[in-house]
N, C-alpha and C. Protein backbone atom coordinates (compact mmCIF):
# COMPACT_ATOMS: atom_id res chain seq x y z
N MET A 1 6.44 -3.22 -12.74
CA MET A 1 6.19 -1.91 -13.36
C MET A 1 7.25 -0.76 -13.31
N ASN A 2 7.87 0.34 -14.28
CA ASN A 2 8.41 0.76 -14.06
C ASN A 2 7.96 2.62 -14.47
N PHE A 3 8.21 3.44 -13.57
CA PHE A 3 8.37 4.93 -13.88
C PHE A 3 9.07 5.35 -14.72
N SER A 4 9.73 6.66 -15.38
CA SER A 4 10.86 7.21 -15.49
C SER A 4 10.52 8.63 -14.85
N ASN A 5 9.28 9.44 -14.30
CA ASN A 5 9.01 10.51 -14.04
C ASN A 5 7.59 10.40 -12.78
N GLN A 6 7.51 9.49 -12.23
CA GLN A 6 6.72 9.27 -10.93
C GLN A 6 6.49 10.44 -10.03
N VAL A 7 5.27 10.95 -10.74
CA VAL A 7 4.76 12.40 -9.23
C VAL A 7 4.87 11.60 -8.24
N VAL A 8 5.40 12.44 -6.97
CA VAL A 8 5.29 11.30 -5.64
C VAL A 8 4.57 12.70 -4.30
N ASP A 9 4.05 12.24 -3.07
CA ASP A 9 3.72 12.97 -1.97
C ASP A 9 5.87 13.11 -1.72
N ASN A 10 5.84 14.21 -1.02
CA ASN A 10 7.35 14.40 -0.45
C ASN A 10 6.47 14.98 0.93
N ASN A 11 6.63 14.46 1.80
CA ASN A 11 6.40 15.89 2.96
C ASN A 11 7.74 15.88 3.92
N SER A 12 8.68 15.48 3.39
CA SER A 12 10.38 15.76 3.71
C SER A 12 10.77 17.07 3.19
N ASN A 13 10.23 17.61 2.23
CA ASN A 13 10.30 18.38 2.11
C ASN A 13 9.17 19.97 1.99
N PRO A 14 9.36 21.15 3.47
CA PRO A 14 8.11 21.63 3.04
C PRO A 14 7.93 22.69 2.37
N ASN A 15 8.58 22.69 0.75
CA ASN A 15 8.97 23.38 -0.11
C ASN A 15 7.93 22.86 -1.18
N PHE A 16 7.27 21.54 -1.10
CA PHE A 16 6.62 20.96 -1.86
C PHE A 16 5.64 19.94 -1.19
N SER A 17 4.40 20.10 -1.94
CA SER A 17 3.44 18.62 -1.55
C SER A 17 3.61 17.58 -2.05
N LYS A 18 3.82 17.99 -3.43
CA LYS A 18 4.50 17.28 -4.58
C LYS A 18 5.24 16.67 -5.37
N GLU A 19 6.20 16.35 -5.80
CA GLU A 19 7.07 16.47 -6.97
C GLU A 19 7.88 15.17 -7.46
N ASN A 20 8.19 15.15 -8.56
CA ASN A 20 8.70 14.75 -9.51
C ASN A 20 9.86 13.81 -8.62
N GLY A 21 9.53 12.35 -8.64
CA GLY A 21 10.67 11.64 -7.89
C GLY A 21 11.42 10.90 -9.02
N GLY A 22 11.52 11.16 -9.73
CA GLY A 22 12.00 10.31 -10.56
C GLY A 22 11.86 8.88 -11.32
N GLU A 23 12.95 8.13 -11.65
CA GLU A 23 12.75 6.83 -11.98
C GLU A 23 12.03 6.37 -10.58
N THR A 24 11.32 5.46 -11.02
CA THR A 24 10.78 4.39 -9.80
C THR A 24 10.30 2.90 -10.18
N LYS A 25 10.81 1.96 -9.30
CA LYS A 25 10.23 0.55 -9.49
C LYS A 25 9.66 0.11 -8.71
N HIS A 26 8.63 -0.60 -9.27
CA HIS A 26 7.57 -1.10 -8.71
C HIS A 26 7.11 -3.23 -9.29
N GLN A 27 7.28 -3.76 -8.35
CA GLN A 27 6.94 -5.48 -8.18
C GLN A 27 6.16 -5.99 -7.16
N GLY A 28 5.46 -6.34 -7.80
CA GLY A 28 4.30 -7.39 -6.59
C GLY A 28 3.58 -8.13 -7.48
N ILE A 29 2.68 -8.87 -6.19
CA ILE A 29 1.51 -9.67 -7.01
C ILE A 29 0.14 -9.09 -6.07
N GLU A 30 -0.64 -9.83 -6.85
CA GLU A 30 -2.44 -9.78 -6.17
C GLU A 30 -3.08 -10.67 -6.29
N MET A 31 -4.22 -11.22 -5.31
CA MET A 31 -4.16 -12.55 -5.17
C MET A 31 -5.65 -12.32 -4.57
N SER A 32 -6.98 -12.92 -5.17
CA SER A 32 -7.78 -12.68 -4.39
C SER A 32 -8.66 -14.14 -4.79
N LEU A 33 -10.10 -14.60 -3.74
CA LEU A 33 -10.14 -16.12 -3.72
C LEU A 33 -11.72 -15.65 -2.95
N GLY A 34 -12.60 -16.56 -3.33
CA GLY A 34 -13.55 -16.65 -2.82
C GLY A 34 -14.19 -18.03 -2.64
N TYR A 35 -14.98 -18.29 -2.03
CA TYR A 35 -15.83 -19.71 -1.46
C TYR A 35 -17.04 -19.74 -0.66
N ASP A 36 -17.96 -20.45 -1.64
CA ASP A 36 -18.98 -20.13 -1.01
C ASP A 36 -19.25 -21.74 0.18
N ILE A 37 -19.25 -21.68 1.12
CA ILE A 37 -19.16 -22.67 2.22
C ILE A 37 -20.26 -23.93 2.47
N GLY A 38 -21.50 -22.53 2.25
CA GLY A 38 -22.45 -23.33 2.06
C GLY A 38 -23.35 -23.06 3.16
N ALA A 39 -24.94 -23.20 3.25
CA ALA A 39 -25.69 -22.93 4.31
C ALA A 39 -25.58 -21.39 4.62
N GLY A 40 -25.92 -20.61 3.04
CA GLY A 40 -25.60 -19.14 3.64
C GLY A 40 -24.17 -18.67 4.03
N PHE A 41 -23.37 -19.33 3.71
CA PHE A 41 -22.29 -18.93 4.76
C PHE A 41 -20.81 -18.66 3.42
N ALA A 42 -20.32 -17.35 2.68
CA ALA A 42 -19.14 -17.25 1.52
C ALA A 42 -18.08 -16.82 2.58
N ILE A 43 -16.67 -16.75 2.23
CA ILE A 43 -15.73 -16.21 2.18
C ILE A 43 -14.75 -15.62 1.02
N ALA A 44 -14.78 -14.58 1.51
CA ALA A 44 -13.79 -14.13 0.56
C ALA A 44 -12.46 -13.42 0.44
N GLY A 45 -11.31 -12.92 0.15
CA GLY A 45 -10.17 -12.54 0.53
C GLY A 45 -9.68 -12.00 -0.05
N ASN A 46 -8.64 -11.32 -0.07
CA ASN A 46 -7.56 -10.45 -1.36
C ASN A 46 -6.21 -10.15 -0.89
N VAL A 47 -5.27 -10.06 -1.14
CA VAL A 47 -4.16 -9.23 -0.53
C VAL A 47 -3.22 -8.85 -1.79
N THR A 48 -2.59 -7.87 -1.75
CA THR A 48 -1.44 -7.70 -2.35
C THR A 48 -0.05 -7.11 -1.76
N TYR A 49 0.81 -7.49 -2.78
CA TYR A 49 1.94 -7.87 -1.64
C TYR A 49 3.16 -7.59 -2.71
N ILE A 50 3.78 -6.34 -2.16
CA ILE A 50 4.29 -5.72 -3.01
C ILE A 50 5.76 -5.23 -2.34
N PRO A 51 6.99 -6.05 -2.57
CA PRO A 51 8.11 -5.97 -1.87
C PRO A 51 8.73 -5.05 -2.51
N VAL A 52 8.57 -4.74 -3.55
CA VAL A 52 9.68 -3.43 -4.49
C VAL A 52 8.54 -2.33 -4.71
N SER A 53 8.77 -1.47 -4.05
CA SER A 53 8.11 0.31 -4.71
C SER A 53 9.35 1.06 -3.99
N GLU A 54 10.10 1.08 -4.99
CA GLU A 54 11.38 1.86 -4.81
C GLU A 54 11.94 2.93 -5.82
N PHE A 55 12.61 3.60 -5.16
CA PHE A 55 13.00 5.00 -6.02
C PHE A 55 14.46 4.61 -6.76
N VAL A 56 14.94 4.77 -7.92
CA VAL A 56 16.06 3.97 -8.56
C VAL A 56 16.48 5.46 -9.01
N GLY A 57 18.04 5.84 -8.08
CA GLY A 57 18.87 6.81 -8.22
C GLY A 57 18.63 7.95 -7.48
N ASP A 58 19.86 8.46 -6.92
CA ASP A 58 19.68 9.00 -6.32
C ASP A 58 18.98 10.99 -6.36
N ARG A 59 18.33 11.37 -6.12
CA ARG A 59 17.90 12.86 -6.01
C ARG A 59 17.82 13.68 -4.64
N LEU A 60 19.03 13.41 -4.01
CA LEU A 60 19.45 13.64 -3.12
C LEU A 60 19.11 15.36 -2.92
N ASP A 61 18.99 16.57 -3.81
CA ASP A 61 18.18 17.44 -3.78
C ASP A 61 17.46 17.93 -2.82
N VAL A 62 16.21 16.81 -3.38
CA VAL A 62 14.56 16.94 -2.22
C VAL A 62 14.50 15.35 -1.07
N GLY A 63 15.96 14.96 -0.95
CA GLY A 63 16.01 14.05 -0.09
C GLY A 63 15.41 12.43 0.02
N ILE A 64 15.96 11.82 -1.37
CA ILE A 64 15.38 10.89 -1.73
C ILE A 64 16.59 10.08 -2.27
N GLU A 65 16.86 8.71 -2.15
CA GLU A 65 18.27 8.12 -1.99
C GLU A 65 17.97 6.90 -2.87
N ASP A 66 18.66 5.90 -3.63
CA ASP A 66 18.20 5.02 -4.52
C ASP A 66 18.18 3.77 -3.25
N GLY A 67 16.72 3.63 -3.96
CA GLY A 67 16.53 2.17 -3.27
C GLY A 67 15.37 2.34 -2.20
N ASN A 68 14.89 4.06 -1.59
CA ASN A 68 13.71 4.32 -0.93
C ASN A 68 12.59 3.59 -1.31
N ARG A 69 12.09 3.39 -0.07
CA ARG A 69 10.85 3.02 -0.08
C ARG A 69 9.56 4.11 -0.99
N ILE A 70 8.88 4.15 -1.30
CA ILE A 70 7.94 5.26 -2.09
C ILE A 70 7.34 5.43 -1.04
N SER A 71 6.78 6.58 -0.62
CA SER A 71 6.04 6.99 0.58
C SER A 71 4.23 6.30 0.44
N TYR A 72 3.73 6.22 1.17
CA TYR A 72 2.56 5.73 1.50
C TYR A 72 2.01 4.15 0.96
N SER A 73 3.52 3.44 0.73
CA SER A 73 2.92 2.56 -0.14
C SER A 73 3.28 1.32 1.04
N PRO A 74 2.30 0.96 1.26
CA PRO A 74 3.00 -0.23 2.59
C PRO A 74 3.24 -1.90 1.27
N GLU A 75 3.70 -2.96 2.07
CA GLU A 75 4.01 -3.46 1.21
C GLU A 75 2.75 -4.64 1.24
N VAL A 76 2.14 -4.42 1.94
CA VAL A 76 0.88 -5.72 2.35
C VAL A 76 -0.47 -5.01 2.81
N LEU A 77 -0.84 -5.31 2.02
CA LEU A 77 -2.43 -4.70 1.69
C LEU A 77 -3.32 -6.13 1.81
N ALA A 78 -4.51 -6.20 2.82
CA ALA A 78 -5.44 -7.50 2.86
C ALA A 78 -5.92 -7.03 3.55
N ASN A 79 -7.36 -7.76 2.98
CA ASN A 79 -9.13 -7.67 3.42
C ASN A 79 -9.24 -9.37 3.00
N LEU A 80 -10.45 -9.25 3.78
CA LEU A 80 -10.89 -11.03 4.22
C LEU A 80 -12.30 -10.37 5.11
N GLU A 81 -13.67 -11.42 4.04
CA GLU A 81 -14.84 -11.37 4.47
C GLU A 81 -15.86 -12.37 4.74
N LEU A 82 -16.33 -12.59 5.61
CA LEU A 82 -17.10 -13.59 6.32
C LEU A 82 -18.69 -12.97 5.97
N THR A 83 -19.31 -13.57 4.27
CA THR A 83 -20.70 -12.89 4.45
C THR A 83 -21.82 -14.30 4.82
N TYR A 84 -22.95 -13.90 4.93
CA TYR A 84 -24.09 -14.96 5.91
C TYR A 84 -25.20 -14.05 4.92
N GLN A 85 -26.37 -15.01 4.40
CA GLN A 85 -27.40 -14.92 3.92
C GLN A 85 -28.65 -15.60 3.90
N LYS A 86 -29.55 -15.41 4.23
CA LYS A 86 -30.53 -16.03 4.36
C LYS A 86 -31.65 -15.11 3.78
N GLY A 87 -32.54 -15.60 3.09
CA GLY A 87 -33.66 -15.10 2.35
C GLY A 87 -33.54 -13.80 2.22
N ALA A 88 -33.94 -12.39 2.98
CA ALA A 88 -33.69 -10.98 2.59
C ALA A 88 -32.83 -10.61 3.70
N LEU A 89 -31.43 -11.07 4.53
CA LEU A 89 -31.00 -10.75 5.35
C LEU A 89 -29.75 -11.19 4.90
N GLN A 90 -28.73 -10.22 5.04
CA GLN A 90 -27.46 -10.50 4.22
C GLN A 90 -26.35 -9.64 5.64
N THR A 91 -25.62 -10.46 5.70
CA THR A 91 -24.34 -9.85 6.66
C THR A 91 -23.31 -10.32 6.61
N ALA A 92 -21.89 -9.17 6.76
CA ALA A 92 -20.80 -9.58 6.67
C ALA A 92 -19.96 -9.19 7.81
N LEU A 93 -19.05 -10.15 8.52
CA LEU A 93 -18.21 -9.04 9.19
C LEU A 93 -16.39 -9.03 7.98
N ALA A 94 -15.91 -8.45 7.89
CA ALA A 94 -14.23 -7.71 7.29
C ALA A 94 -13.44 -7.34 8.23
N VAL A 95 -12.36 -7.88 8.07
CA VAL A 95 -11.11 -6.88 8.53
C VAL A 95 -10.14 -6.93 6.96
N HIS A 96 -9.99 -5.75 7.38
CA HIS A 96 -8.73 -4.84 6.57
C HIS A 96 -7.48 -4.48 7.57
N HIS A 97 -6.77 -4.90 6.89
CA HIS A 97 -5.22 -5.14 6.88
C HIS A 97 -4.35 -3.96 5.86
N SER A 98 -3.41 -2.94 6.54
CA SER A 98 -2.54 -2.50 6.20
C SER A 98 -1.16 -2.31 6.74
N SER A 99 -0.01 -2.84 6.07
CA SER A 99 1.84 -3.01 6.27
C SER A 99 1.97 -1.59 7.24
N ALA A 100 2.95 -1.70 7.61
CA ALA A 100 3.72 -0.31 8.01
C ALA A 100 4.10 0.27 6.35
N GLN A 101 4.27 1.38 6.90
CA GLN A 101 4.72 2.13 5.57
C GLN A 101 5.21 3.80 5.53
N TYR A 102 5.86 3.98 5.18
CA TYR A 102 6.54 5.41 5.32
C TYR A 102 5.44 6.73 5.12
N ALA A 103 5.95 7.68 5.46
CA ALA A 103 4.87 9.09 5.11
C ALA A 103 5.92 10.07 4.51
N ASP A 104 7.39 9.68 4.35
CA ASP A 104 8.19 10.81 3.54
C ASP A 104 8.56 9.85 2.54
N SER A 105 9.60 10.59 1.28
CA SER A 105 10.47 10.10 0.26
C SER A 105 11.45 9.43 1.31
N ALA A 106 12.08 10.36 2.31
CA ALA A 106 12.85 9.84 2.86
C ALA A 106 13.05 8.89 3.84
N ASN A 107 12.40 8.05 3.91
CA ASN A 107 11.60 7.41 4.77
C ASN A 107 12.42 7.22 6.31
N THR A 108 12.26 7.94 6.65
CA THR A 108 12.35 8.79 8.09
C THR A 108 11.49 7.68 9.08
N LYS A 109 11.98 7.48 10.13
CA LYS A 109 11.59 6.39 10.71
C LYS A 109 10.75 6.98 12.02
N ASN A 110 11.48 8.17 12.72
CA ASN A 110 10.30 8.57 14.00
C ASN A 110 9.87 10.08 13.72
N ILE A 111 8.46 9.96 13.98
CA ILE A 111 7.80 11.29 13.68
C ILE A 111 8.56 12.33 14.43
N PRO A 112 8.60 13.24 13.84
CA PRO A 112 9.76 14.40 14.60
C PRO A 112 8.85 15.05 15.09
N SER A 113 9.25 15.57 16.43
CA SER A 113 8.31 16.48 17.29
C SER A 113 8.03 17.71 17.05
N ASN A 114 8.49 18.73 15.71
CA ASN A 114 8.11 19.96 15.73
C ASN A 114 8.81 19.80 13.83
N ALA A 115 7.68 19.40 13.01
CA ALA A 115 8.23 19.53 11.47
C ALA A 115 7.87 20.96 11.04
N ALA A 116 8.82 21.06 10.20
CA ALA A 116 9.20 22.40 9.07
C ALA A 116 7.88 22.58 8.69
N GLY A 117 7.21 23.70 8.61
CA GLY A 117 6.57 23.89 7.31
C GLY A 117 5.10 22.85 8.00
N GLY A 118 4.70 22.62 9.20
CA GLY A 118 3.65 21.30 9.52
C GLY A 118 4.08 20.09 8.31
N ILE A 119 4.61 19.75 7.41
CA ILE A 119 4.76 19.04 6.73
C ILE A 119 5.70 17.89 7.96
N TRP A 120 5.00 16.54 7.96
CA TRP A 120 5.44 15.54 8.60
C TRP A 120 6.33 14.29 7.77
N GLY A 121 7.27 13.96 8.72
CA GLY A 121 6.98 12.45 8.11
C GLY A 121 6.94 11.05 9.32
N GLY A 122 7.78 10.01 8.79
CA GLY A 122 7.89 8.95 9.73
C GLY A 122 7.36 7.67 9.36
N GLU A 123 7.44 6.75 10.29
CA GLU A 123 6.77 5.06 9.64
C GLU A 123 5.99 4.83 10.40
N LEU A 124 4.60 5.03 9.73
CA LEU A 124 3.29 4.69 9.80
C LEU A 124 3.20 2.99 10.04
N ASP A 125 2.79 2.74 11.53
CA ASP A 125 2.84 1.37 12.18
C ASP A 125 1.30 0.77 11.24
N ALA A 126 1.77 -0.52 11.37
CA ALA A 126 0.91 -1.93 10.48
C ALA A 126 -0.58 -1.45 11.40
N TYR A 127 -2.00 -1.69 10.72
CA TYR A 127 -2.69 -1.91 11.95
C TYR A 127 -4.53 -2.29 10.69
N THR A 128 -5.11 -2.98 11.88
CA THR A 128 -5.82 -3.67 11.42
C THR A 128 -7.06 -3.51 11.83
N VAL A 129 -8.13 -3.29 11.12
CA VAL A 129 -9.09 -2.30 11.56
C VAL A 129 -10.98 -3.89 10.96
N VAL A 130 -11.56 -4.27 11.87
CA VAL A 130 -12.65 -4.83 11.53
C VAL A 130 -14.23 -4.04 11.28
N ASP A 131 -15.01 -4.78 10.40
CA ASP A 131 -16.44 -3.96 10.15
C ASP A 131 -16.80 -5.09 10.47
N VAL A 132 -18.43 -4.71 10.64
CA VAL A 132 -19.73 -5.37 10.33
C VAL A 132 -20.58 -4.68 9.52
N HIS A 133 -21.11 -5.32 9.29
CA HIS A 133 -22.21 -4.67 7.87
C HIS A 133 -23.50 -5.91 8.00
N ALA A 134 -25.34 -5.04 7.96
CA ALA A 134 -26.12 -6.20 7.88
C ALA A 134 -26.87 -5.24 7.22
N ALA A 135 -28.05 -6.14 6.22
CA ALA A 135 -28.97 -5.11 5.51
C ALA A 135 -30.05 -6.17 5.48
N TYR A 136 -31.09 -6.08 5.14
CA TYR A 136 -32.40 -6.29 5.36
C TYR A 136 -33.55 -5.48 4.12
N ASP A 137 -33.78 -6.77 3.29
CA ASP A 137 -35.01 -6.57 2.47
C ASP A 137 -36.07 -6.00 3.22
N LEU A 138 -36.72 -4.83 3.30
CA LEU A 138 -38.19 -5.46 3.87
C LEU A 138 -39.25 -5.70 2.55
N ASN A 139 -38.93 -5.23 1.22
CA ASN A 139 -39.62 -5.69 0.34
C ASN A 139 -38.90 -5.60 -0.80
N LYS A 140 -39.37 -5.59 -1.86
CA LYS A 140 -38.76 -5.47 -3.32
C LYS A 140 -38.11 -4.07 -3.33
N GLN A 141 -38.85 -2.73 -3.12
CA GLN A 141 -38.51 -1.52 -3.49
C GLN A 141 -37.30 -1.36 -1.79
N LEU A 142 -37.85 -1.44 -0.72
CA LEU A 142 -36.85 -1.11 0.16
C LEU A 142 -36.15 -1.71 1.42
N LYS A 143 -35.07 -1.26 1.18
CA LYS A 143 -33.63 -2.20 2.14
C LYS A 143 -33.39 -0.59 2.98
N VAL A 144 -33.24 -1.70 4.23
CA VAL A 144 -32.71 -1.26 5.32
C VAL A 144 -31.36 -1.53 5.81
N PHE A 145 -30.18 -0.59 6.22
CA PHE A 145 -29.26 -1.21 6.34
C PHE A 145 -28.18 -0.65 7.43
N GLY A 146 -26.91 -1.36 7.91
CA GLY A 146 -26.53 -0.73 9.16
C GLY A 146 -24.73 -0.86 9.25
N SER A 147 -23.94 -0.78 9.94
CA SER A 147 -22.42 -1.01 9.53
C SER A 147 -22.06 -0.48 11.06
N VAL A 148 -20.70 -1.11 11.69
CA VAL A 148 -20.01 -0.66 12.77
C VAL A 148 -18.52 -1.10 11.65
N LYS A 149 -18.14 0.51 11.65
CA LYS A 149 -16.77 0.58 11.63
C LYS A 149 -15.77 0.13 12.22
N ASN A 150 -14.86 0.07 11.94
CA ASN A 150 -13.76 -0.20 12.88
C ASN A 150 -14.15 -0.37 14.11
N LEU A 151 -14.77 -1.52 14.09
CA LEU A 151 -15.67 -2.15 15.69
C LEU A 151 -14.38 -2.67 16.81
N THR A 152 -13.47 -2.72 16.73
CA THR A 152 -12.73 -2.26 17.75
C THR A 152 -12.48 -1.31 18.50
N ASP A 153 -12.67 -0.36 18.08
CA ASP A 153 -11.95 1.00 18.02
C ASP A 153 -10.63 0.99 17.87
N GLU A 154 -9.88 0.70 16.96
CA GLU A 154 -8.52 0.56 16.77
C GLU A 154 -7.82 1.79 16.48
N LYS A 155 -6.52 2.14 17.22
CA LYS A 155 -6.12 3.63 16.87
C LYS A 155 -4.88 3.16 16.06
N TYR A 156 -4.90 4.35 15.67
CA TYR A 156 -4.03 4.42 14.48
C TYR A 156 -3.66 5.95 13.70
N ILE A 157 -2.32 5.80 12.88
CA ILE A 157 -2.64 7.04 11.98
C ILE A 157 -2.16 6.48 10.77
N ALA A 158 -3.28 7.39 10.07
CA ALA A 158 -3.34 7.02 8.89
C ALA A 158 -2.71 7.82 7.96
N GLY A 159 -2.15 9.02 8.05
CA GLY A 159 -1.41 10.20 7.25
C GLY A 159 -0.77 10.69 8.15
N LEU A 160 0.10 11.31 7.52
CA LEU A 160 0.63 12.50 8.44
C LEU A 160 1.52 13.77 7.14
N ARG A 161 0.49 13.79 6.62
CA ARG A 161 0.50 15.31 5.91
C ARG A 161 -0.40 16.41 5.85
N GLN A 162 1.12 17.17 6.65
CA GLN A 162 0.09 18.60 7.43
C GLN A 162 -0.03 18.26 8.61
N GLY A 163 0.41 17.26 9.33
CA GLY A 163 -0.30 17.22 10.56
C GLY A 163 -0.35 15.31 10.71
N ILE A 164 -0.97 15.25 11.88
CA ILE A 164 -0.98 13.43 12.18
C ILE A 164 -2.60 14.20 11.64
N TYR A 165 -2.60 12.98 10.94
CA TYR A 165 -4.44 12.66 10.48
C TYR A 165 -4.24 11.05 11.57
N ALA A 166 -5.33 10.89 12.03
CA ALA A 166 -5.91 9.38 12.77
C ALA A 166 -6.64 8.68 12.04
N GLY A 167 -6.61 7.88 12.06
CA GLY A 167 -7.64 6.87 11.44
C GLY A 167 -9.07 6.98 12.44
N PRO A 168 -10.06 6.84 11.62
CA PRO A 168 -11.45 6.72 11.85
C PRO A 168 -11.20 6.24 13.40
N ASP A 169 -12.12 7.16 14.33
CA ASP A 169 -12.37 5.70 15.60
C ASP A 169 -13.91 4.96 15.25
N ARG A 170 -13.81 4.29 16.04
CA ARG A 170 -15.30 3.65 15.64
C ARG A 170 -16.64 3.99 14.99
N SER A 171 -17.39 4.31 14.25
CA SER A 171 -18.81 4.98 13.79
C SER A 171 -19.54 3.81 13.53
N PHE A 172 -20.75 4.20 13.66
CA PHE A 172 -21.99 3.68 13.46
C PHE A 172 -22.65 4.46 12.15
N GLU A 173 -23.55 3.31 11.05
CA GLU A 173 -24.25 4.26 9.97
C GLU A 173 -25.10 3.19 9.72
N VAL A 174 -26.33 3.70 9.56
CA VAL A 174 -27.98 3.40 9.18
C VAL A 174 -28.27 4.50 7.85
N GLY A 175 -29.33 3.46 7.33
CA GLY A 175 -29.66 3.87 6.40
C GLY A 175 -31.05 2.97 5.61
N ALA A 176 -31.20 3.82 4.28
CA ALA A 176 -32.48 3.08 3.60
C ALA A 176 -32.12 3.38 2.38
N LYS A 177 -32.86 2.78 1.57
CA LYS A 177 -32.23 2.64 0.28
C LYS A 177 -33.90 2.16 -0.66
N TYR A 178 -34.41 2.94 -1.29
CA TYR A 178 -35.71 2.78 -1.62
C TYR A 178 -35.75 2.82 -3.36
N GLN A 179 -35.99 2.27 -3.93
CA GLN A 179 -36.05 2.07 -5.55
C GLN A 179 -37.31 1.83 -6.06
N PHE A 180 -37.53 3.18 -7.18
CA PHE A 180 -38.52 3.55 -7.65
C PHE A 180 -38.72 2.29 -8.95
């Protein structure tokens, strides 16, 4: 997929938050697969592999060089989920992975200690988080559910837009759904 005038985030320029990145090229593949293991268990997964997500041609006025990777475009995104269902009970263990990615169009490696105008760049490390979900149908109308997101309390940087945005800590969610 190619674009002639892609609008991109540009953390490397404190005067702009979005700008015309010019010509870009994207090449990759997506794949998903699911399998019913039996006895109430199933497994499903998907992966997106994008080895090419780059600028074509120099835009040195805004810090973009030919071949630089587009900001916030990891090379690999992957998900894997193991589910179990028995009667009214449904459970799932889910794993989500993102490979390293740049937070600016200049492909800056190190996160600066004092960013101009609060706009930050740098390379975000890869991270993997694990979630657990459960739900139970009490009857045809009422379902209760709960989740633990980021079960292992993985510490990671999710973004560098006008500061450092930490990925969400471990969180607990509970709820109920009533259908009339």
